[in-house]
Amino acid sequence: MARGWESKSVESQMEDRQDEREASPARVAGRDLELERQRYSLELSRRRIQSELAATQSSLRRASLEQALKYLEGELAKLGQA
């Protein structure tokens, strides 16, 4: 009777490992999807900042927008390396 229990336990463990292997690509796809969302959001913000830069006449506002643009470009560069 103990042998039957052991074989079922081993079989269960093997199925669990197989499930983990099959779930791994989904995690990678989810991570890639999240990176794409972040990239898209940063690019939209970048376009908005560039548009505001083109329209502003205030030197203080321009300096603030230029800093924001540098930050966004840095974040986009980080995502490009990931």
PDB file of N, CA and C in Angstrom:
ATOM      1  N   MET A   1       0.808  -1.177   0.000  1.00  0.00           N
ATOM      2  CA  MET A   1       0.000   0.000   0.000  1.00  0.00           C
ATOM      3  C   MET A   1       0.866   1.262   0.000  1.00  0.00           C
ATOM      4  N   ALA A   2       1.983   1.218   0.655  1.00  0.00           N
ATOM      5  CA  ALA A   2       2.879   2.369   0.690  1.00  0.00           C
ATOM      6  C   ALA A   2       3.420   2.661  -0.693  1.00  0.00           C
ATOM      7  N   ARG A   3       3.692   1.624  -1.467  1.00  0.00           N
ATOM      8  CA  ARG A   3       4.233   1.853  -2.810  1.00  0.00           C
ATOM      9  C   ARG A   3       3.234   2.595  -3.688  1.00  0.00           C
ATOM     10  N   GLY A   4       1.993   2.259  -3.603  1.00  0.00           N
ATOM     11  CA  GLY A   4       0.976   2.950  -4.389  1.00  0.00           C
ATOM     12  C   GLY A   4       0.908   4.421  -4.030  1.00  0.00           C
ATOM     13  N   TRP A   5       1.020   4.725  -2.778  1.00  0.00           N
ATOM     14  CA  TRP A   5       0.991   6.111  -2.312  1.00  0.00           C
ATOM     15  C   TRP A   5       2.198   6.868  -2.830  1.00  0.00           C
ATOM     16  N   GLU A   6       3.385   6.222  -2.762  1.00  0.00           N
ATOM     17  CA  GLU A   6       4.613   6.868  -3.237  1.00  0.00           C
ATOM     18  C   GLU A   6       4.545   7.165  -4.719  1.00  0.00           C
ATOM     19  N   SER A   7       4.082   6.224  -5.510  1.00  0.00           N
ATOM     20  CA  SER A   7       4.045   6.441  -6.956  1.00  0.00           C
ATOM     21  C   SER A   7       3.082   7.566  -7.313  1.00  0.00           C
ATOM     22  N   LYS A   8       1.981   7.672  -6.575  1.00  0.00           N
ATOM     23  CA  LYS A   8       1.052   8.771  -6.845  1.00  0.00           C
ATOM     24  C   LYS A   8       1.670  10.112  -6.462  1.00  0.00           C
ATOM     25  N   SER A   9       2.436  10.114  -5.383  1.00  0.00           N
ATOM     26  CA  SER A   9       3.106  11.334  -4.956  1.00  0.00           C
ATOM     27  C   SER A   9       4.129  11.769  -5.996  1.00  0.00           C
ATOM     28  N   VAL A  10       4.903  10.823  -6.484  1.00  0.00           N
ATOM     29  CA  VAL A  10       5.909  11.128  -7.504  1.00  0.00           C
ATOM     30  C   VAL A  10       5.231  11.611  -8.774  1.00  0.00           C
ATOM     31  N   GLU A  11       4.150  10.954  -9.147  1.00  0.00           N
ATOM     32  CA  GLU A  11       3.413  11.348 -10.340  1.00  0.00           C
ATOM     33  C   GLU A  11       2.870  12.776 -10.180  1.00  0.00           C
ATOM     34  N   SER A  12       2.362  13.080  -8.999  1.00  0.00           N
ATOM     35  CA  SER A  12       1.851  14.417  -8.717  1.00  0.00           C
ATOM     36  C   SER A  12       2.959  15.459  -8.810  1.00  0.00           C
ATOM     37  N   GLN A  13       4.125  15.140  -8.271  1.00  0.00           N
ATOM     38  CA  GLN A  13       5.260  16.060  -8.337  1.00  0.00           C
ATOM     39  C   GLN A  13       5.688  16.292  -9.778  1.00  0.00           C
ATOM     40  N   MET A  14       5.692  15.235 -10.576  1.00  0.00           N
ATOM     41  CA  MET A  14       6.081  15.372 -11.989  1.00  0.00           C
ATOM     42  C   MET A  14       5.075  16.264 -12.727  1.00  0.00           C
ATOM     43  N   GLU A  15       3.784  16.105 -12.429  1.00  0.00           N
ATOM     44  CA  GLU A  15       2.776  16.947 -13.064  1.00  0.00           C
ATOM     45  C   GLU A  15       2.937  18.406 -12.646  1.00  0.00           C
ATOM     46  N   ASP A  16       3.255  18.632 -11.370  1.00  0.00           N
ATOM     47  CA  ASP A  16       3.477  19.998 -10.888  1.00  0.00           C
ATOM     48  C   ASP A  16       4.638  20.649 -11.618  1.00  0.00           C
ATOM     49  N   ARG A  17       5.706  19.898 -11.811  1.00  0.00           N
ATOM     50  CA  ARG A  17       6.874  20.451 -12.532  1.00  0.00           C
ATOM     51  C   ARG A  17       6.511  20.784 -13.966  1.00  0.00           C
ATOM     52  N   GLN A  18       5.731  19.914 -14.591  1.00  0.00           N
ATOM     53  CA  GLN A  18       5.320  20.153 -15.971  1.00  0.00           C
ATOM     54  C   GLN A  18       4.452  21.415 -16.039  1.00  0.00           C
ATOM     55  N   ASP A  19       3.556  21.568 -15.080  1.00  0.00           N
ATOM     56  CA  ASP A  19       2.713  22.773 -15.035  1.00  0.00           C
ATOM     57  C   ASP A  19       3.562  24.024 -14.892  1.00  0.00           C
ATOM     58  N   GLU A  20       4.605  23.964 -14.057  1.00  0.00           N
ATOM     59  CA  GLU A  20       5.492  25.115 -13.875  1.00  0.00           C
ATOM     60  C   GLU A  20       6.215  25.447 -15.169  1.00  0.00           C
ATOM     61  N   ARG A  21       6.660  24.437 -15.871  1.00  0.00           N
ATOM     62  CA  ARG A  21       7.359  24.676 -17.153  1.00  0.00           C
ATOM     63  C   ARG A  21       6.427  25.315 -18.172  1.00  0.00           C
ATOM     64  N   GLU A  22       5.177  24.859 -18.182  1.00  0.00           N
ATOM     65  CA  GLU A  22       4.222  25.414 -19.138  1.00  0.00           C
ATOM     66  C   GLU A  22       3.812  26.829 -18.761  1.00  0.00           C
ATOM     67  N   ALA A  23       3.836  27.154 -17.490  1.00  0.00           N
ATOM     68  CA  ALA A  23       3.449  28.492 -17.040  1.00  0.00           C
ATOM     69  C   ALA A  23       4.553  29.517 -17.278  1.00  0.00           C
ATOM     70  N   SER A  24       5.785  29.076 -17.358  1.00  0.00           N
ATOM     71  CA  SER A  24       6.910  29.999 -17.531  1.00  0.00           C
ATOM     72  C   SER A  24       6.789  30.885 -18.768  1.00  0.00           C
ATOM     73  N   PRO A  25       6.453  30.346 -19.944  1.00  0.00           N
ATOM     74  CA  PRO A  25       6.304  31.241 -21.101  1.00  0.00           C
ATOM     75  C   PRO A  25       5.235  32.304 -20.890  1.00  0.00           C
ATOM     76  N   ALA A  26       4.198  31.964 -20.142  1.00  0.00           N
ATOM     77  CA  ALA A  26       3.152  32.958 -19.873  1.00  0.00           C
ATOM     78  C   ALA A  26       3.710  34.096 -19.027  1.00  0.00           C
ATOM     79  N   ARG A  27       4.572  33.771 -18.065  1.00  0.00           N
ATOM     80  CA  ARG A  27       5.180  34.816 -17.242  1.00  0.00           C
ATOM     81  C   ARG A  27       6.056  35.719 -18.086  1.00  0.00           C
ATOM     82  N   VAL A  28       6.815  35.111 -18.982  1.00  0.00           N
ATOM     83  CA  VAL A  28       7.692  35.905 -19.858  1.00  0.00           C
ATOM     84  C   VAL A  28       6.850  36.796 -20.754  1.00  0.00           C
ATOM     85  N   ALA A  29       5.787  36.260 -21.304  1.00  0.00           N
ATOM     86  CA  ALA A  29       4.920  37.052 -22.175  1.00  0.00           C
ATOM     87  C   ALA A  29       4.293  38.197 -21.384  1.00  0.00           C
ATOM     88  N   GLY A  30       3.898  37.929 -20.152  1.00  0.00           N
ATOM     89  CA  GLY A  30       3.326  38.971 -19.308  1.00  0.00           C
ATOM     90  C   GLY A  30       4.325  40.064 -19.006  1.00  0.00           C
ATOM     91  N   ARG A  31       5.577  39.664 -18.765  1.00  0.00           N
ATOM     92  CA  ARG A  31       6.635  40.635 -18.497  1.00  0.00           C
ATOM     93  C   ARG A  31       6.887  41.487 -19.738  1.00  0.00           C
ATOM     94  N   ASP A  32       6.925  40.842 -20.901  1.00  0.00           N
ATOM     95  CA  ASP A  32       7.123  41.584 -22.144  1.00  0.00           C
ATOM     96  C   ASP A  32       5.979  42.558 -22.382  1.00  0.00           C
ATOM     97  N   LEU A  33       4.778  42.113 -22.079  1.00  0.00           N
ATOM     98  CA  LEU A  33       3.610  42.966 -22.255  1.00  0.00           C
ATOM     99  C   LEU A  33       3.699  44.187 -21.336  1.00  0.00           C
ATOM    100  N   GLU A  34       4.118  43.974 -20.112  1.00  0.00           N
ATOM    101  CA  GLU A  34       4.258  45.087 -19.169  1.00  0.00           C
ATOM    102  C   GLU A  34       5.326  46.075 -19.641  1.00  0.00           C
ATOM    103  N   LEU A  35       6.430  45.566 -20.163  1.00  0.00           N
ATOM    104  CA  LEU A  35       7.473  46.453 -20.694  1.00  0.00           C
ATOM    105  C   LEU A  35       6.949  47.272 -21.864  1.00  0.00           C
ATOM    106  N   GLU A  36       6.166  46.639 -22.720  1.00  0.00           N
ATOM    107  CA  GLU A  36       5.590  47.361 -23.859  1.00  0.00           C
ATOM    108  C   GLU A  36       4.626  48.449 -23.388  1.00  0.00           C
ATOM    109  N   ARG A  37       3.856  48.157 -22.362  1.00  0.00           N
ATOM    110  CA  ARG A  37       2.940  49.162 -21.814  1.00  0.00           C
ATOM    111  C   ARG A  37       3.716  50.343 -21.257  1.00  0.00           C
ATOM    112  N   GLN A  38       4.784  50.045 -20.525  1.00  0.00           N
ATOM    113  CA  GLN A  38       5.603  51.121 -19.960  1.00  0.00           C
ATOM    114  C   GLN A  38       6.221  51.962 -21.069  1.00  0.00           C
ATOM    115  N   ARG A  39       6.753  51.284 -22.079  1.00  0.00           N
ATOM    116  CA  ARG A  39       7.382  51.987 -23.199  1.00  0.00           C
ATOM    117  C   ARG A  39       6.365  52.884 -23.904  1.00  0.00           C
ATOM    118  N   TYR A  40       5.181  52.341 -24.147  1.00  0.00           N
ATOM    119  CA  TYR A  40       4.133  53.102 -24.828  1.00  0.00           C
ATOM    120  C   TYR A  40       3.752  54.341 -24.023  1.00  0.00           C
ATOM    121  N   SER A  41       3.590  54.166 -22.722  1.00  0.00           N
ATOM    122  CA  SER A  41       3.236  55.281 -21.847  1.00  0.00           C
ATOM    123  C   SER A  41       4.319  56.357 -21.860  1.00  0.00           C
ATOM    124  N   LEU A  42       5.576  55.932 -21.779  1.00  0.00           N
ATOM    125  CA  LEU A  42       6.684  56.896 -21.805  1.00  0.00           C
ATOM    126  C   LEU A  42       6.752  57.628 -23.139  1.00  0.00           C
ATOM    127  N   GLU A  43       6.505  56.915 -24.226  1.00  0.00           N
ATOM    128  CA  GLU A  43       6.555  57.546 -25.546  1.00  0.00           C
ATOM    129  C   GLU A  43       5.422  58.556 -25.714  1.00  0.00           C
ATOM    130  N   LEU A  44       4.241  58.224 -25.184  1.00  0.00           N
ATOM    131  CA  LEU A  44       3.136  59.183 -25.241  1.00  0.00           C
ATOM    132  C   LEU A  44       3.473  60.441 -24.444  1.00  0.00           C
ATOM    133  N   SER A  45       4.029  60.258 -23.274  1.00  0.00           N
ATOM    134  CA  SER A  45       4.423  61.407 -22.449  1.00  0.00           C
ATOM    135  C   SER A  45       5.472  62.232 -23.158  1.00  0.00           C
ATOM    136  N   ARG A  46       6.409  61.562 -23.790  1.00  0.00           N
ATOM    137  CA  ARG A  46       7.480  62.257 -24.520  1.00  0.00           C
ATOM    138  C   ARG A  46       6.908  63.117 -25.649  1.00  0.00           C
ATOM    139  N   ARG A  47       5.956  62.549 -26.396  1.00  0.00           N
ATOM    140  CA  ARG A  47       5.339  63.312 -27.484  1.00  0.00           C
ATOM    141  C   ARG A  47       4.589  64.536 -26.953  1.00  0.00           C
ATOM    142  N   ARG A  48       3.894  64.355 -25.827  1.00  0.00           N
ATOM    143  CA  ARG A  48       3.161  65.466 -25.233  1.00  0.00           C
ATOM    144  C   ARG A  48       4.123  66.570 -24.796  1.00  0.00           C
ATOM    145  N   ILE A  49       5.222  66.175 -24.168  1.00  0.00           N
ATOM    146  CA  ILE A  49       6.224  67.150 -23.712  1.00  0.00           C
ATOM    147  C   ILE A  49       6.812  67.894 -24.915  1.00  0.00           C
ATOM    148  N   GLN A  50       7.130  67.163 -25.975  1.00  0.00           N
ATOM    149  CA  GLN A  50       7.686  67.803 -27.169  1.00  0.00           C
ATOM    150  C   GLN A  50       6.696  68.793 -27.767  1.00  0.00           C
ATOM    151  N   SER A  51       5.429  68.418 -27.756  1.00  0.00           N
ATOM    152  CA  SER A  51       4.390  69.309 -28.274  1.00  0.00           C
ATOM    153  C   SER A  51       4.292  70.577 -27.427  1.00  0.00           C
ATOM    154  N   GLU A  52       4.333  70.402 -26.116  1.00  0.00           N
ATOM    155  CA  GLU A  52       4.276  71.559 -25.222  1.00  0.00           C
ATOM    156  C   GLU A  52       5.523  72.428 -25.371  1.00  0.00           C
ATOM    157  N   LEU A  53       6.669  71.799 -25.582  1.00  0.00           N
ATOM    158  CA  LEU A  53       7.909  72.560 -25.780  1.00  0.00           C
ATOM    159  C   LEU A  53       7.799  73.451 -27.009  1.00  0.00           C
ATOM    160  N   ALA A  54       7.205  72.912 -28.055  1.00  0.00           N
ATOM    161  CA  ALA A  54       7.069  73.683 -29.287  1.00  0.00           C
ATOM    162  C   ALA A  54       6.119  74.864 -29.108  1.00  0.00           C
ATOM    163  N   ALA A  55       5.166  74.722 -28.199  1.00  0.00           N
ATOM    164  CA  ALA A  55       4.148  75.760 -28.038  1.00  0.00           C
ATOM    165  C   ALA A  55       4.476  76.789 -26.954  1.00  0.00           C
ATOM    166  N   THR A  56       5.342  76.457 -26.016  1.00  0.00           N
ATOM    167  CA  THR A  56       5.567  77.368 -24.878  1.00  0.00           C
ATOM    168  C   THR A  56       6.483  78.532 -25.240  1.00  0.00           C
ATOM    169  N   GLN A  57       6.226  79.634 -24.559  1.00  0.00           N
ATOM    170  CA  GLN A  57       7.075  80.800 -24.747  1.00  0.00           C
ATOM    171  C   GLN A  57       7.768  81.196 -23.454  1.00  0.00           C
ATOM    172  N   SER A  58       7.391  80.552 -22.372  1.00  0.00           N
ATOM    173  CA  SER A  58       7.981  80.849 -21.068  1.00  0.00           C
ATOM    174  C   SER A  58       9.300  80.103 -20.913  1.00  0.00           C
ATOM    175  N   SER A  59      10.346  80.835 -20.548  1.00  0.00           N
ATOM    176  CA  SER A  59      11.648  80.188 -20.384  1.00  0.00           C
ATOM    177  C   SER A  59      11.657  79.247 -19.178  1.00  0.00           C
ATOM    178  N   LEU A  60      10.913  79.592 -18.135  1.00  0.00           N
ATOM    179  CA  LEU A  60      10.831  78.705 -16.962  1.00  0.00           C
ATOM    180  C   LEU A  60      10.111  77.401 -17.320  1.00  0.00           C
ATOM    181  N   ARG A  61       9.018  77.543 -18.029  1.00  0.00           N
ATOM    182  CA  ARG A  61       8.263  76.352 -18.452  1.00  0.00           C
ATOM    183  C   ARG A  61       9.106  75.500 -19.392  1.00  0.00           C
ATOM    184  N   ARG A  62       9.824  76.146 -20.298  1.00  0.00           N
ATOM    185  CA  ARG A  62      10.684  75.426 -21.239  1.00  0.00           C
ATOM    186  C   ARG A  62      11.749  74.623 -20.496  1.00  0.00           C
ATOM    187  N   ALA A  63      12.372  75.225 -19.487  1.00  0.00           N
ATOM    188  CA  ALA A  63      13.404  74.524 -18.717  1.00  0.00           C
ATOM    189  C   ALA A  63      12.813  73.305 -18.009  1.00  0.00           C
ATOM    190  N   SER A  64      11.623  73.472 -17.453  1.00  0.00           N
ATOM    191  CA  SER A  64      10.952  72.363 -16.776  1.00  0.00           C
ATOM    192  C   SER A  64      10.624  71.236 -17.758  1.00  0.00           C
ATOM    193  N   LEU A  65      10.117  71.609 -18.910  1.00  0.00           N
ATOM    194  CA  LEU A  65       9.779  70.610 -19.928  1.00  0.00           C
ATOM    195  C   LEU A  65      11.028  69.895 -20.452  1.00  0.00           C
ATOM    196  N   GLU A  66      12.117  70.635 -20.605  1.00  0.00           N
ATOM    197  CA  GLU A  66      13.359  70.009 -21.068  1.00  0.00           C
ATOM    198  C   GLU A  66      13.871  68.988 -20.051  1.00  0.00           C
ATOM    199  N   GLN A  67      13.737  69.295 -18.765  1.00  0.00           N
ATOM    200  CA  GLN A  67      14.133  68.333 -17.735  1.00  0.00           C
ATOM    201  C   GLN A  67      13.250  67.094 -17.795  1.00  0.00           C
ATOM    202  N   ALA A  68      11.965  67.309 -17.968  1.00  0.00           N
ATOM    203  CA  ALA A  68      11.027  66.189 -18.066  1.00  0.00           C
ATOM    204  C   ALA A  68      11.359  65.324 -19.284  1.00  0.00           C
ATOM    205  N   LEU A  69      11.706  65.973 -20.378  1.00  0.00           N
ATOM    206  CA  LEU A  69      12.056  65.253 -21.593  1.00  0.00           C
ATOM    207  C   LEU A  69      13.319  64.413 -21.388  1.00  0.00           C
ATOM    208  N   LYS A  70      14.317  64.982 -20.732  1.00  0.00           N
ATOM    209  CA  LYS A  70      15.546  64.229 -20.438  1.00  0.00           C
ATOM    210  C   LYS A  70      15.237  62.997 -19.591  1.00  0.00           C
ATOM    211  N   TYR A  71      14.393  63.181 -18.585  1.00  0.00           N
ATOM    212  CA  TYR A  71      14.023  62.078 -17.717  1.00  0.00           C
ATOM    213  C   TYR A  71      13.335  60.972 -18.517  1.00  0.00           C
ATOM    214  N   LEU A  72      12.360  61.346 -19.344  1.00  0.00           N
ATOM    215  CA  LEU A  72      11.633  60.351 -20.138  1.00  0.00           C
ATOM    216  C   LEU A  72      12.558  59.618 -21.101  1.00  0.00           C
ATOM    217  N   GLU A  73      13.471  60.344 -21.718  1.00  0.00           N
ATOM    218  CA  GLU A  73      14.404  59.700 -22.638  1.00  0.00           C
ATOM    219  C   GLU A  73      15.332  58.740 -21.894  1.00  0.00           C
ATOM    220  N   GLY A  74      15.712  59.093 -20.674  1.00  0.00           N
ATOM    221  CA  GLY A  74      16.522  58.186 -19.856  1.00  0.00           C
ATOM    222  C   GLY A  74      15.766  56.913 -19.507  1.00  0.00           C
ATOM    223  N   GLU A  75      14.493  57.070 -19.160  1.00  0.00           N
ATOM    224  CA  GLU A  75      13.670  55.902 -18.831  1.00  0.00           C
ATOM    225  C   GLU A  75      13.467  55.020 -20.055  1.00  0.00           C
ATOM    226  N   LEU A  76      13.279  55.634 -21.203  1.00  0.00           N
ATOM    227  CA  LEU A  76      13.130  54.859 -22.440  1.00  0.00           C
ATOM    228  C   LEU A  76      14.431  54.106 -22.758  1.00  0.00           C
ATOM    229  N   ALA A  77      15.548  54.747 -22.511  1.00  0.00           N
ATOM    230  CA  ALA A  77      16.853  54.097 -22.739  1.00  0.00           C
ATOM    231  C   ALA A  77      17.002  52.895 -21.822  1.00  0.00           C
ATOM    232  N   LYS A  78      16.571  53.021 -20.569  1.00  0.00           N
ATOM    233  CA  LYS A  78      16.639  51.891 -19.637  1.00  0.00           C
ATOM    234  C   LYS A  78      15.795  50.719 -20.130  1.00  0.00           C
ATOM    235  N   LEU A  79      14.606  51.017 -20.649  1.00  0.00           N
ATOM    236  CA  LEU A  79      13.747  49.956 -21.154  1.00  0.00           C
ATOM    237  C   LEU A  79      14.333  49.308 -22.395  1.00  0.00           C
ATOM    238  N   GLY A  80      15.063  50.096 -23.165  1.00  0.00           N
ATOM    239  CA  GLY A  80      15.710  49.546 -24.352  1.00  0.00           C
ATOM    240  C   GLY A  80      16.787  48.545 -24.008  1.00  0.00           C
ATOM    241  N   GLN A  81      17.424  48.707 -22.855  1.00  0.00           N
ATOM    242  CA  GLN A  81      18.478  47.811 -22.421  1.00  0.00           C
ATOM    243  C   GLN A  81      17.911  46.552 -21.786  1.00  0.00           C
ATOM    244  N   ALA A  82      16.695  46.632 -21.269  1.00  0.00           N
ATOM    245  CA  ALA A  82      16.106  45.497 -20.561  1.00  0.00           C
ATOM    246  C   ALA A  82      15.772  44.356 -21.482  1.00  0.00           C
TER     247      ALA A  82
END
